[in-house]
């Protein structure tokens, strides 16, 4: 834009003033956006807060025999936020920190931002991601233990979520503040020995202890 303004000012000298004004405005807007990104963009930057809140919520269950593993890398790239193993089974938790009110219809998550009447965002991508991560952990457990267990994908929503819980295609969507209670209410599937075995199998191999 600066180059174009300079060329125009030479061709039409009378436009030099206005070319300078336009160029200055463009630079000011560019600097402002770089230093103060819109809230919609910042939501992606604070996504890690959602993961931290999920970890704190689930930490309440440690005394009841639940074990959480964090940030497990996938061989094909990417990572799984949290894997939770406990009496209620094996759960893969994907955290989403969103600014607004969430409504879930099947696999679609719709987000209405404060002050808006219509949803500004609607996608099934978080559910598809959770389902894929659950399938990955299922395959990993089967390879390392020989056990074919049902692994449940869960999207943990840190947002205004009046439904508190919704069921998509093989994936549950749960309000973050409701997560510990929801997990505690799950029927018992695993013994303490099962939990120990599965949690040990999921620890990345580079972090496993070798026998003395």
N, C-alpha and C. Protein backbone atom coordinates (compact mmCIF):
# COMPACT_ATOMS: atom_id res chain seq x y z
N UNK A 1 0.83 -1.20 0.00
CA UNK A 1 0.00 0.00 0.00
C UNK A 1 0.87 1.25 0.00
N UNK A 2 1.97 1.24 0.72
CA UNK A 2 2.87 2.39 0.77
C UNK A 2 3.48 2.65 -0.59
N UNK A 3 3.83 1.56 -1.30
CA UNK A 3 4.43 1.71 -2.62
C UNK A 3 3.41 2.33 -3.58
N UNK A 4 2.19 1.82 -3.57
CA UNK A 4 1.14 2.34 -4.44
C UNK A 4 0.90 3.81 -4.16
N UNK A 5 0.85 4.19 -2.88
CA UNK A 5 0.64 5.59 -2.51
C UNK A 5 1.76 6.48 -3.04
N UNK A 6 2.99 5.98 -2.94
CA UNK A 6 4.12 6.75 -3.44
C UNK A 6 4.06 6.97 -4.92
N UNK A 7 3.70 5.93 -5.68
CA UNK A 7 3.61 6.04 -7.14
C UNK A 7 2.52 7.03 -7.53
N UNK A 8 1.36 6.93 -6.88
CA UNK A 8 0.24 7.82 -7.21
C UNK A 8 0.58 9.28 -6.90
N UNK A 9 1.32 9.49 -5.81
CA UNK A 9 1.66 10.87 -5.44
C UNK A 9 2.59 11.51 -6.47
N UNK A 10 3.39 10.70 -7.16
CA UNK A 10 4.28 11.24 -8.19
C UNK A 10 3.51 11.51 -9.48
N UNK A 11 2.55 10.64 -9.78
CA UNK A 11 1.77 10.82 -11.01
C UNK A 11 0.82 12.00 -10.87
N UNK A 12 0.15 12.05 -9.70
CA UNK A 12 -0.80 13.14 -9.43
C UNK A 12 -0.36 13.84 -8.14
N UNK A 13 0.54 14.81 -8.24
CA UNK A 13 1.06 15.48 -7.04
C UNK A 13 -0.03 16.03 -6.13
N UNK A 14 -1.16 16.46 -6.72
CA UNK A 14 -2.23 17.03 -5.90
C UNK A 14 -2.83 16.00 -4.96
N UNK A 15 -2.60 14.72 -5.26
CA UNK A 15 -3.14 13.64 -4.41
C UNK A 15 -2.17 13.24 -3.30
N UNK A 16 -1.01 13.89 -3.27
CA UNK A 16 0.03 13.44 -2.33
C UNK A 16 -0.47 13.43 -0.90
N UNK A 17 -1.20 14.48 -0.52
CA UNK A 17 -1.70 14.58 0.86
C UNK A 17 -2.60 13.40 1.20
N UNK A 18 -3.58 13.13 0.32
CA UNK A 18 -4.54 12.07 0.60
C UNK A 18 -3.90 10.69 0.53
N UNK A 19 -2.92 10.54 -0.35
CA UNK A 19 -2.19 9.26 -0.40
C UNK A 19 -1.47 9.02 0.93
N UNK A 20 -0.89 10.10 1.46
CA UNK A 20 -0.22 9.97 2.74
C UNK A 20 -1.17 9.62 3.87
N UNK A 21 -2.36 10.22 3.85
CA UNK A 21 -3.36 9.94 4.87
C UNK A 21 -3.78 8.47 4.83
N UNK A 22 -4.08 7.99 3.60
CA UNK A 22 -4.50 6.60 3.44
C UNK A 22 -3.41 5.64 3.91
N UNK A 23 -2.17 5.91 3.51
CA UNK A 23 -1.06 5.03 3.90
C UNK A 23 -0.89 5.02 5.41
N UNK A 24 -1.02 6.21 6.03
CA UNK A 24 -0.89 6.28 7.48
C UNK A 24 -1.97 5.50 8.19
N UNK A 25 -3.21 5.58 7.68
CA UNK A 25 -4.32 4.83 8.29
C UNK A 25 -4.09 3.33 8.20
N UNK A 26 -3.61 2.90 7.03
CA UNK A 26 -3.36 1.47 6.85
C UNK A 26 -2.31 0.98 7.83
N UNK A 27 -1.24 1.76 8.00
CA UNK A 27 -0.19 1.36 8.93
C UNK A 27 -0.70 1.33 10.36
N UNK A 28 -1.52 2.31 10.73
CA UNK A 28 -2.04 2.37 12.09
C UNK A 28 -2.93 1.18 12.40
N UNK A 29 -3.80 0.83 11.45
CA UNK A 29 -4.69 -0.31 11.64
C UNK A 29 -3.90 -1.60 11.74
N UNK A 30 -2.88 -1.73 10.89
CA UNK A 30 -2.05 -2.95 10.90
C UNK A 30 -1.35 -3.12 12.24
N UNK A 31 -0.77 -2.05 12.76
CA UNK A 31 -0.08 -2.11 14.05
C UNK A 31 -1.06 -2.42 15.17
N UNK A 32 -2.24 -1.80 15.12
CA UNK A 32 -3.24 -2.02 16.18
C UNK A 32 -3.70 -3.46 16.21
N UNK A 33 -3.97 -4.04 15.04
CA UNK A 33 -4.42 -5.43 14.98
C UNK A 33 -3.34 -6.39 15.44
N UNK A 34 -2.09 -6.05 15.13
CA UNK A 34 -0.99 -6.93 15.53
C UNK A 34 -0.81 -6.92 17.04
N UNK A 35 -0.93 -5.73 17.65
CA UNK A 35 -0.71 -5.62 19.08
C UNK A 35 -1.93 -6.02 19.89
N UNK A 36 -3.12 -5.81 19.36
CA UNK A 36 -4.36 -6.10 20.09
C UNK A 36 -5.29 -6.92 19.21
N UNK A 37 -5.02 -8.21 19.03
CA UNK A 37 -5.88 -9.03 18.17
C UNK A 37 -7.30 -9.08 18.70
N UNK A 38 -8.29 -9.18 17.81
CA UNK A 38 -9.69 -9.24 18.24
C UNK A 38 -9.92 -10.38 19.21
N UNK A 39 -10.95 -10.25 20.04
CA UNK A 39 -11.27 -11.29 21.01
C UNK A 39 -11.49 -12.64 20.38
N UNK A 40 -12.07 -12.64 19.18
CA UNK A 40 -12.33 -13.89 18.48
C UNK A 40 -11.03 -14.64 18.22
N UNK A 41 -9.96 -13.91 17.89
CA UNK A 41 -8.66 -14.53 17.66
C UNK A 41 -8.03 -14.94 18.98
N UNK A 42 -8.18 -14.12 20.00
CA UNK A 42 -7.56 -14.42 21.28
C UNK A 42 -8.10 -15.70 21.89
N UNK A 43 -9.33 -16.09 21.54
CA UNK A 43 -9.89 -17.33 22.08
C UNK A 43 -9.02 -18.53 21.73
N UNK A 44 -8.41 -18.50 20.56
CA UNK A 44 -7.52 -19.59 20.18
C UNK A 44 -6.25 -19.55 21.02
N UNK A 45 -5.80 -18.34 21.36
CA UNK A 45 -4.56 -18.20 22.12
C UNK A 45 -4.75 -18.65 23.57
N UNK A 46 -5.96 -18.55 24.10
CA UNK A 46 -6.18 -18.93 25.50
C UNK A 46 -6.77 -20.33 25.61
N UNK A 47 -6.69 -21.10 24.54
CA UNK A 47 -7.21 -22.46 24.58
C UNK A 47 -6.55 -23.30 25.66
N UNK A 48 -5.28 -22.99 25.94
CA UNK A 48 -4.56 -23.75 26.97
C UNK A 48 -5.20 -23.57 28.34
N UNK A 49 -5.88 -22.44 28.55
CA UNK A 49 -6.55 -22.25 29.84
C UNK A 49 -7.63 -23.31 30.02
N UNK A 50 -8.34 -23.64 28.95
CA UNK A 50 -9.37 -24.67 29.05
C UNK A 50 -8.77 -26.00 29.46
N UNK A 51 -7.61 -26.34 28.91
CA UNK A 51 -6.95 -27.59 29.28
C UNK A 51 -6.56 -27.57 30.77
N UNK A 52 -6.09 -26.41 31.22
CA UNK A 52 -5.69 -26.30 32.63
C UNK A 52 -6.91 -26.44 33.55
N UNK A 53 -8.02 -25.81 33.17
CA UNK A 53 -9.24 -25.91 33.98
C UNK A 53 -9.75 -27.35 34.03
N UNK A 54 -9.65 -28.05 32.89
CA UNK A 54 -10.08 -29.45 32.84
C UNK A 54 -9.22 -30.28 33.79
N UNK A 55 -7.92 -30.06 33.76
CA UNK A 55 -7.01 -30.81 34.63
C UNK A 55 -7.34 -30.58 36.10
N UNK A 56 -7.65 -29.33 36.47
CA UNK A 56 -8.00 -29.03 37.86
C UNK A 56 -9.33 -29.68 38.25
N UNK A 57 -10.28 -29.69 37.32
CA UNK A 57 -11.58 -30.29 37.61
C UNK A 57 -11.45 -31.79 37.85
N UNK A 58 -10.67 -32.45 37.01
CA UNK A 58 -10.53 -33.90 37.12
C UNK A 58 -9.64 -34.29 38.30
N UNK A 59 -8.77 -33.38 38.73
CA UNK A 59 -7.91 -33.67 39.88
C UNK A 59 -8.74 -33.99 41.12
N UNK A 60 -9.99 -33.55 41.14
CA UNK A 60 -10.87 -33.84 42.27
C UNK A 60 -11.14 -35.34 42.40
N UNK A 61 -10.92 -36.10 41.31
CA UNK A 61 -11.27 -37.52 41.29
C UNK A 61 -10.09 -38.42 41.65
N UNK A 62 -8.92 -37.85 41.88
CA UNK A 62 -7.73 -38.68 42.13
C UNK A 62 -7.92 -39.59 43.34
N UNK A 63 -8.54 -39.06 44.36
CA UNK A 63 -8.73 -39.86 45.58
C UNK A 63 -9.68 -41.03 45.36
N UNK A 64 -10.50 -40.96 44.31
CA UNK A 64 -11.44 -42.03 44.01
C UNK A 64 -10.87 -43.04 43.03
N UNK A 65 -9.57 -42.94 42.74
CA UNK A 65 -8.93 -43.96 41.91
C UNK A 65 -8.82 -43.63 40.45
N UNK A 66 -9.02 -42.37 40.08
CA UNK A 66 -8.88 -41.96 38.68
C UNK A 66 -7.46 -41.49 38.42
N UNK A 67 -6.96 -41.80 37.22
CA UNK A 67 -5.60 -41.41 36.83
C UNK A 67 -5.70 -40.62 35.52
N UNK A 68 -5.03 -39.46 35.45
CA UNK A 68 -5.04 -38.66 34.24
C UNK A 68 -3.65 -38.59 33.64
N UNK A 69 -3.58 -38.74 32.32
CA UNK A 69 -2.34 -38.56 31.57
C UNK A 69 -2.53 -37.36 30.65
N UNK A 70 -1.50 -36.52 30.54
CA UNK A 70 -1.61 -35.27 29.82
C UNK A 70 -0.80 -35.27 28.53
N UNK A 71 -1.34 -34.60 27.52
CA UNK A 71 -0.59 -34.26 26.30
C UNK A 71 0.13 -35.47 25.70
N UNK A 72 -0.62 -36.49 25.33
CA UNK A 72 -0.04 -37.67 24.71
C UNK A 72 0.12 -37.43 23.21
N UNK A 73 1.31 -37.59 22.71
CA UNK A 73 1.60 -37.34 21.30
C UNK A 73 1.07 -38.47 20.43
N UNK A 74 0.56 -38.09 19.26
CA UNK A 74 0.12 -39.08 18.28
C UNK A 74 1.23 -39.29 17.27
N UNK A 75 1.41 -40.54 16.84
CA UNK A 75 2.50 -40.86 15.92
C UNK A 75 2.37 -40.13 14.60
N UNK A 76 1.14 -39.88 14.15
CA UNK A 76 0.95 -39.20 12.87
C UNK A 76 0.94 -37.69 12.99
N UNK A 77 1.24 -37.15 14.17
CA UNK A 77 1.23 -35.71 14.40
C UNK A 77 0.07 -35.32 15.30
N UNK A 78 0.23 -34.20 15.98
CA UNK A 78 -0.81 -33.74 16.89
C UNK A 78 -0.67 -34.39 18.25
N UNK A 79 -1.64 -34.10 19.12
CA UNK A 79 -1.59 -34.67 20.46
C UNK A 79 -3.00 -34.82 21.02
N UNK A 80 -3.09 -35.61 22.07
CA UNK A 80 -4.35 -35.81 22.80
C UNK A 80 -4.22 -35.03 24.11
N UNK A 81 -5.15 -34.11 24.36
CA UNK A 81 -5.05 -33.23 25.54
C UNK A 81 -4.93 -34.03 26.83
N UNK A 82 -5.93 -34.87 27.10
CA UNK A 82 -5.97 -35.64 28.35
C UNK A 82 -6.58 -37.01 28.10
N UNK A 83 -6.03 -38.02 28.76
CA UNK A 83 -6.65 -39.34 28.80
C UNK A 83 -6.90 -39.66 30.27
N UNK A 84 -8.12 -40.01 30.57
CA UNK A 84 -8.53 -40.28 31.94
C UNK A 84 -8.91 -41.75 32.08
N UNK A 85 -8.30 -42.42 33.05
CA UNK A 85 -8.59 -43.83 33.30
C UNK A 85 -9.08 -43.96 34.75
N UNK A 86 -10.23 -44.58 34.93
CA UNK A 86 -10.76 -44.71 36.27
C UNK A 86 -11.84 -45.77 36.35
N UNK A 87 -12.52 -45.86 37.45
CA UNK A 87 -13.57 -46.88 37.62
C UNK A 87 -14.61 -46.84 36.51
N UNK A 88 -14.90 -45.66 35.99
CA UNK A 88 -15.93 -45.53 34.95
C UNK A 88 -15.46 -45.85 33.56
N UNK A 89 -14.16 -46.17 33.37
CA UNK A 89 -13.66 -46.53 32.05
C UNK A 89 -12.52 -45.64 31.60
N UNK A 90 -12.32 -45.60 30.28
CA UNK A 90 -11.26 -44.80 29.67
C UNK A 90 -11.91 -43.68 28.87
N UNK A 91 -11.47 -42.45 29.13
CA UNK A 91 -12.05 -41.28 28.49
C UNK A 91 -10.94 -40.42 27.89
N UNK A 92 -11.18 -39.95 26.67
CA UNK A 92 -10.29 -38.98 26.04
C UNK A 92 -10.97 -37.62 26.13
N UNK A 93 -10.30 -36.65 26.75
CA UNK A 93 -10.89 -35.34 26.99
C UNK A 93 -10.25 -34.29 26.09
N UNK A 94 -11.05 -33.65 25.26
CA UNK A 94 -10.59 -32.53 24.44
C UNK A 94 -11.26 -31.26 24.96
N UNK A 95 -10.47 -30.30 25.40
CA UNK A 95 -11.01 -29.09 26.02
C UNK A 95 -11.18 -27.98 25.00
N UNK A 96 -12.31 -27.25 25.10
CA UNK A 96 -12.59 -26.10 24.25
C UNK A 96 -13.00 -24.93 25.12
N UNK A 97 -12.23 -23.84 25.03
CA UNK A 97 -12.51 -22.63 25.79
C UNK A 97 -13.12 -21.61 24.83
N UNK A 98 -14.41 -21.35 24.95
CA UNK A 98 -15.13 -20.52 23.99
C UNK A 98 -15.83 -19.36 24.69
N UNK A 99 -15.84 -18.23 24.03
CA UNK A 99 -16.45 -17.02 24.59
C UNK A 99 -17.86 -16.87 24.02
N UNK A 100 -18.85 -17.27 24.79
CA UNK A 100 -20.23 -17.16 24.34
C UNK A 100 -21.08 -18.29 24.87
N UNK A 101 -22.26 -18.44 24.30
CA UNK A 101 -23.19 -19.50 24.70
C UNK A 101 -23.18 -20.61 23.66
N UNK A 102 -23.06 -21.83 24.14
CA UNK A 102 -22.95 -22.99 23.25
C UNK A 102 -24.27 -23.76 23.23
N UNK A 103 -24.60 -24.22 22.04
CA UNK A 103 -25.74 -25.12 21.85
C UNK A 103 -25.27 -26.29 21.00
N UNK A 104 -25.62 -27.51 21.42
CA UNK A 104 -25.19 -28.70 20.70
C UNK A 104 -26.40 -29.39 20.08
N UNK A 105 -26.29 -29.69 18.79
CA UNK A 105 -27.32 -30.43 18.07
C UNK A 105 -26.63 -31.56 17.33
N UNK A 106 -26.75 -32.79 17.86
CA UNK A 106 -26.02 -33.94 17.33
C UNK A 106 -24.52 -33.66 17.42
N UNK A 107 -23.82 -33.60 16.28
CA UNK A 107 -22.38 -33.36 16.34
C UNK A 107 -22.03 -31.88 16.22
N UNK A 108 -22.99 -31.04 15.90
CA UNK A 108 -22.70 -29.63 15.63
C UNK A 108 -22.71 -28.79 16.90
N UNK A 109 -21.63 -28.02 17.07
CA UNK A 109 -21.52 -27.07 18.17
C UNK A 109 -21.74 -25.68 17.60
N UNK A 110 -22.76 -24.99 18.10
CA UNK A 110 -23.04 -23.62 17.67
C UNK A 110 -22.69 -22.66 18.80
N UNK A 111 -21.99 -21.58 18.46
CA UNK A 111 -21.56 -20.61 19.46
C UNK A 111 -22.14 -19.24 19.13
N UNK A 112 -22.87 -18.69 20.08
CA UNK A 112 -23.40 -17.33 19.96
C UNK A 112 -22.61 -16.42 20.89
N UNK A 113 -21.95 -15.43 20.33
CA UNK A 113 -21.12 -14.54 21.13
C UNK A 113 -21.98 -13.51 21.86
N UNK A 114 -21.46 -12.96 22.97
CA UNK A 114 -22.22 -11.98 23.73
C UNK A 114 -22.66 -10.81 22.86
N UNK A 115 -23.93 -10.45 22.95
CA UNK A 115 -24.47 -9.33 22.19
C UNK A 115 -25.03 -9.70 20.83
N UNK A 116 -24.75 -10.93 20.37
CA UNK A 116 -25.27 -11.38 19.07
C UNK A 116 -26.55 -12.18 19.26
N UNK A 117 -27.41 -12.15 18.26
CA UNK A 117 -28.64 -12.92 18.31
C UNK A 117 -28.51 -14.25 17.59
N UNK A 118 -27.62 -14.30 16.62
CA UNK A 118 -27.45 -15.51 15.82
C UNK A 118 -26.08 -16.13 16.09
N UNK A 119 -25.97 -17.43 15.93
CA UNK A 119 -24.67 -18.09 16.13
C UNK A 119 -23.61 -17.52 15.18
N UNK A 120 -22.43 -17.28 15.72
CA UNK A 120 -21.32 -16.78 14.92
C UNK A 120 -20.44 -17.92 14.43
N UNK A 121 -20.68 -19.11 14.98
CA UNK A 121 -19.80 -20.25 14.66
C UNK A 121 -20.60 -21.53 14.82
N UNK A 122 -20.45 -22.42 13.88
CA UNK A 122 -21.09 -23.74 13.99
C UNK A 122 -20.22 -24.75 13.27
N UNK A 123 -19.86 -25.82 13.98
CA UNK A 123 -18.95 -26.80 13.39
C UNK A 123 -19.06 -28.13 14.13
N UNK A 124 -18.77 -29.20 13.40
CA UNK A 124 -18.69 -30.52 14.03
C UNK A 124 -17.24 -30.95 14.20
N UNK A 125 -16.29 -30.04 13.88
CA UNK A 125 -14.88 -30.40 13.94
C UNK A 125 -14.43 -30.86 15.32
N UNK A 126 -14.83 -30.18 16.43
CA UNK A 126 -14.40 -30.65 17.75
C UNK A 126 -14.86 -32.07 18.05
N UNK A 127 -16.08 -32.43 17.61
CA UNK A 127 -16.59 -33.78 17.86
C UNK A 127 -15.81 -34.79 17.01
N UNK A 128 -15.55 -34.44 15.76
CA UNK A 128 -14.78 -35.35 14.91
C UNK A 128 -13.38 -35.56 15.47
N UNK A 129 -12.77 -34.50 15.98
CA UNK A 129 -11.44 -34.61 16.57
C UNK A 129 -11.45 -35.52 17.79
N UNK A 130 -12.45 -35.34 18.66
CA UNK A 130 -12.54 -36.17 19.87
C UNK A 130 -12.77 -37.63 19.50
N UNK A 131 -13.59 -37.87 18.49
CA UNK A 131 -13.85 -39.24 18.05
C UNK A 131 -12.57 -39.88 17.50
N UNK A 132 -11.81 -39.12 16.73
CA UNK A 132 -10.55 -39.64 16.19
C UNK A 132 -9.53 -39.92 17.28
N UNK A 133 -9.45 -39.03 18.27
CA UNK A 133 -8.51 -39.25 19.38
C UNK A 133 -8.90 -40.46 20.20
N UNK A 134 -10.20 -40.66 20.40
CA UNK A 134 -10.65 -41.84 21.15
C UNK A 134 -10.30 -43.12 20.40
N UNK A 135 -10.46 -43.12 19.09
CA UNK A 135 -10.10 -44.29 18.28
C UNK A 135 -8.60 -44.56 18.36
N UNK A 136 -7.82 -43.49 18.37
CA UNK A 136 -6.36 -43.64 18.48
C UNK A 136 -5.97 -44.30 19.80
N UNK A 137 -6.56 -43.84 20.91
CA UNK A 137 -6.24 -44.42 22.23
C UNK A 137 -6.74 -45.85 22.31
N UNK A 138 -7.91 -46.13 21.73
CA UNK A 138 -8.41 -47.51 21.68
C UNK A 138 -7.40 -48.43 21.00
N UNK A 139 -6.88 -48.01 19.86
CA UNK A 139 -5.91 -48.83 19.12
C UNK A 139 -4.60 -48.97 19.90
N UNK A 140 -4.19 -47.89 20.58
CA UNK A 140 -2.96 -47.94 21.36
C UNK A 140 -3.08 -48.94 22.51
N UNK A 141 -4.21 -48.94 23.19
CA UNK A 141 -4.43 -49.89 24.29
C UNK A 141 -4.45 -51.32 23.76
N UNK A 142 -5.08 -51.52 22.63
CA UNK A 142 -5.16 -52.88 22.08
C UNK A 142 -3.79 -53.39 21.69
N UNK A 143 -2.94 -52.52 21.12
CA UNK A 143 -1.59 -52.94 20.72
C UNK A 143 -0.73 -53.26 21.93
N UNK A 144 -0.88 -52.50 23.00
CA UNK A 144 0.03 -52.64 24.14
C UNK A 144 -0.45 -53.62 25.20
N UNK A 145 -1.76 -53.89 25.21
CA UNK A 145 -2.29 -54.80 26.25
C UNK A 145 -3.06 -55.98 25.69
N UNK A 146 -3.45 -55.89 24.42
CA UNK A 146 -4.27 -56.96 23.84
C UNK A 146 -5.74 -56.84 24.21
N UNK A 147 -6.11 -55.77 24.90
CA UNK A 147 -7.49 -55.59 25.33
C UNK A 147 -8.21 -54.61 24.41
N UNK A 148 -9.39 -55.00 23.97
CA UNK A 148 -10.21 -54.14 23.11
C UNK A 148 -11.28 -53.47 23.97
N UNK A 149 -10.97 -52.29 24.47
CA UNK A 149 -11.87 -51.58 25.38
C UNK A 149 -12.57 -50.43 24.65
N UNK A 150 -13.76 -50.11 25.10
CA UNK A 150 -14.46 -48.95 24.58
C UNK A 150 -13.84 -47.70 25.21
N UNK A 151 -13.34 -46.80 24.38
CA UNK A 151 -12.78 -45.53 24.84
C UNK A 151 -13.74 -44.43 24.43
N UNK A 152 -14.15 -43.64 25.40
CA UNK A 152 -15.17 -42.61 25.14
C UNK A 152 -14.52 -41.25 24.89
N UNK A 153 -14.88 -40.65 23.78
CA UNK A 153 -14.42 -39.30 23.49
C UNK A 153 -15.32 -38.29 24.18
N UNK A 154 -14.72 -37.27 24.78
CA UNK A 154 -15.47 -36.24 25.49
C UNK A 154 -14.95 -34.86 25.09
N UNK A 155 -15.84 -33.98 24.66
CA UNK A 155 -15.49 -32.58 24.43
C UNK A 155 -15.90 -31.81 25.68
N UNK A 156 -14.92 -31.24 26.35
CA UNK A 156 -15.18 -30.47 27.58
C UNK A 156 -15.33 -29.00 27.19
N UNK A 157 -16.52 -28.46 27.42
CA UNK A 157 -16.83 -27.11 26.97
C UNK A 157 -16.74 -26.12 28.12
N UNK A 158 -15.78 -25.22 28.02
CA UNK A 158 -15.67 -24.11 28.97
C UNK A 158 -16.31 -22.90 28.31
N UNK A 159 -17.60 -22.78 28.55
CA UNK A 159 -18.42 -21.73 27.95
C UNK A 159 -19.76 -21.76 28.67
N UNK A 160 -20.64 -20.84 28.33
CA UNK A 160 -22.01 -20.92 28.83
C UNK A 160 -22.70 -22.04 28.06
N UNK A 161 -23.07 -23.10 28.77
CA UNK A 161 -23.59 -24.31 28.12
C UNK A 161 -24.80 -24.79 28.92
N UNK A 162 -25.98 -24.22 28.67
CA UNK A 162 -27.17 -24.56 29.46
C UNK A 162 -27.52 -26.04 29.46
N UNK A 163 -27.20 -26.76 28.38
CA UNK A 163 -27.54 -28.18 28.31
C UNK A 163 -26.72 -29.00 29.32
N UNK A 164 -25.53 -28.53 29.64
CA UNK A 164 -24.58 -29.21 30.52
C UNK A 164 -24.04 -30.52 29.94
N UNK A 165 -24.88 -31.30 29.30
CA UNK A 165 -24.43 -32.54 28.68
C UNK A 165 -25.24 -32.81 27.42
N UNK A 166 -24.55 -33.23 26.38
CA UNK A 166 -25.22 -33.62 25.13
C UNK A 166 -24.45 -34.80 24.55
N UNK A 167 -25.14 -35.58 23.75
CA UNK A 167 -24.53 -36.77 23.17
C UNK A 167 -24.48 -36.65 21.65
N UNK A 168 -23.27 -36.70 21.09
CA UNK A 168 -23.09 -36.73 19.65
C UNK A 168 -22.88 -38.16 19.20
N UNK A 169 -22.32 -38.31 18.02
CA UNK A 169 -22.04 -39.63 17.47
C UNK A 169 -20.80 -40.22 18.15
N UNK A 170 -21.02 -41.07 19.15
CA UNK A 170 -19.96 -41.74 19.90
C UNK A 170 -19.12 -40.76 20.73
N UNK A 171 -19.61 -39.55 20.94
CA UNK A 171 -18.87 -38.54 21.70
C UNK A 171 -19.83 -37.83 22.64
N UNK A 172 -19.37 -37.58 23.87
CA UNK A 172 -20.15 -36.80 24.82
C UNK A 172 -19.61 -35.38 24.87
N UNK A 173 -20.50 -34.42 25.06
CA UNK A 173 -20.12 -33.03 25.22
C UNK A 173 -20.60 -32.58 26.60
N UNK A 174 -19.66 -32.14 27.44
CA UNK A 174 -19.96 -31.89 28.84
C UNK A 174 -19.45 -30.52 29.25
N UNK A 175 -20.27 -29.78 30.02
CA UNK A 175 -19.81 -28.50 30.57
C UNK A 175 -18.66 -28.74 31.53
N UNK A 176 -17.61 -27.92 31.44
CA UNK A 176 -16.44 -28.12 32.27
C UNK A 176 -16.75 -28.15 33.75
N UNK A 177 -17.63 -27.27 34.21
CA UNK A 177 -17.96 -27.21 35.63
C UNK A 177 -18.77 -28.42 36.09
N UNK A 178 -19.29 -29.19 35.16
CA UNK A 178 -20.12 -30.36 35.45
C UNK A 178 -19.34 -31.66 35.26
N UNK A 179 -18.09 -31.54 34.79
CA UNK A 179 -17.33 -32.72 34.36
C UNK A 179 -17.10 -33.73 35.48
N UNK A 180 -16.61 -33.30 36.63
CA UNK A 180 -16.30 -34.24 37.71
C UNK A 180 -17.55 -34.99 38.17
N UNK A 181 -18.66 -34.29 38.28
CA UNK A 181 -19.90 -34.94 38.70
C UNK A 181 -20.37 -35.95 37.64
N UNK A 182 -20.23 -35.57 36.38
CA UNK A 182 -20.66 -36.47 35.30
C UNK A 182 -19.82 -37.74 35.28
N UNK A 183 -18.52 -37.60 35.45
CA UNK A 183 -17.64 -38.77 35.46
C UNK A 183 -17.92 -39.67 36.65
N UNK A 184 -18.15 -39.07 37.80
CA UNK A 184 -18.43 -39.84 39.01
C UNK A 184 -19.70 -40.65 38.86
N UNK A 185 -20.65 -40.15 38.08
CA UNK A 185 -21.94 -40.83 37.91
C UNK A 185 -21.87 -42.00 36.93
N UNK A 186 -20.74 -42.19 36.24
CA UNK A 186 -20.64 -43.28 35.28
C UNK A 186 -20.58 -44.63 36.00
N UNK A 187 -21.22 -45.65 35.44
CA UNK A 187 -21.19 -46.97 36.07
C UNK A 187 -19.78 -47.55 36.09
N UNK A 188 -19.51 -48.34 37.11
CA UNK A 188 -18.18 -48.93 37.26
C UNK A 188 -17.90 -49.94 36.15
N UNK A 189 -16.75 -49.76 35.50
CA UNK A 189 -16.33 -50.63 34.40
C UNK A 189 -14.99 -51.32 34.68
N UNK A 190 -14.15 -50.67 35.48
CA UNK A 190 -12.79 -51.17 35.68
C UNK A 190 -12.47 -51.33 37.16
N UNK A 191 -11.67 -52.34 37.47
CA UNK A 191 -11.17 -52.54 38.83
C UNK A 191 -9.93 -51.68 39.03
N UNK A 192 -9.50 -51.48 40.27
CA UNK A 192 -8.25 -50.73 40.51
C UNK A 192 -7.06 -51.33 39.76
N UNK A 193 -7.01 -52.66 39.66
CA UNK A 193 -5.92 -53.31 38.92
C UNK A 193 -5.99 -52.97 37.44
N UNK A 194 -7.21 -52.94 36.90
CA UNK A 194 -7.38 -52.55 35.49
C UNK A 194 -6.87 -51.13 35.25
N UNK A 195 -7.24 -50.24 36.16
CA UNK A 195 -6.83 -48.84 36.02
C UNK A 195 -5.31 -48.72 36.01
N UNK A 196 -4.65 -49.41 36.92
CA UNK A 196 -3.19 -49.35 36.98
C UNK A 196 -2.57 -49.90 35.70
N UNK A 197 -3.09 -51.02 35.20
CA UNK A 197 -2.54 -51.63 33.99
C UNK A 197 -2.69 -50.71 32.79
N UNK A 198 -3.87 -50.15 32.62
CA UNK A 198 -4.14 -49.32 31.45
C UNK A 198 -3.36 -48.00 31.50
N UNK A 199 -3.30 -47.41 32.69
CA UNK A 199 -2.55 -46.16 32.83
C UNK A 199 -1.07 -46.38 32.54
N UNK A 200 -0.53 -47.50 33.02
CA UNK A 200 0.88 -47.80 32.76
C UNK A 200 1.13 -48.04 31.28
N UNK A 201 0.17 -48.66 30.60
CA UNK A 201 0.31 -48.95 29.17
C UNK A 201 0.29 -47.68 28.34
N UNK A 202 -0.37 -46.65 28.83
CA UNK A 202 -0.50 -45.41 28.06
C UNK A 202 0.63 -44.43 28.28
N UNK A 203 1.44 -44.66 29.31
CA UNK A 203 2.59 -43.78 29.54
C UNK A 203 3.52 -43.87 28.34
N UNK A 204 3.95 -42.74 27.77
CA UNK A 204 4.89 -42.79 26.64
C UNK A 204 6.10 -43.65 26.97
N UNK A 205 6.52 -44.45 26.01
CA UNK A 205 7.59 -45.42 26.26
C UNK A 205 8.87 -44.78 26.75
N UNK A 206 9.17 -43.56 26.28
CA UNK A 206 10.42 -42.91 26.72
C UNK A 206 10.39 -42.52 28.19
N UNK A 207 9.17 -42.52 28.79
CA UNK A 207 9.06 -42.16 30.20
C UNK A 207 8.90 -43.37 31.12
N UNK A 208 8.91 -44.57 30.54
CA UNK A 208 8.73 -45.75 31.37
C UNK A 208 10.02 -46.13 32.07
N UNK A 209 9.89 -46.66 33.25
CA UNK A 209 11.06 -47.09 34.00
C UNK A 209 11.46 -48.49 33.57
N UNK A 210 12.77 -48.71 33.49
CA UNK A 210 13.27 -50.04 33.17
C UNK A 210 13.52 -50.80 34.46
N UNK A 211 13.36 -52.11 34.45
CA UNK A 211 13.58 -52.89 35.67
C UNK A 211 15.00 -52.73 36.20
N UNK A 212 15.13 -52.70 37.48
CA UNK A 212 16.48 -52.56 38.08
C UNK A 212 17.27 -53.83 37.89
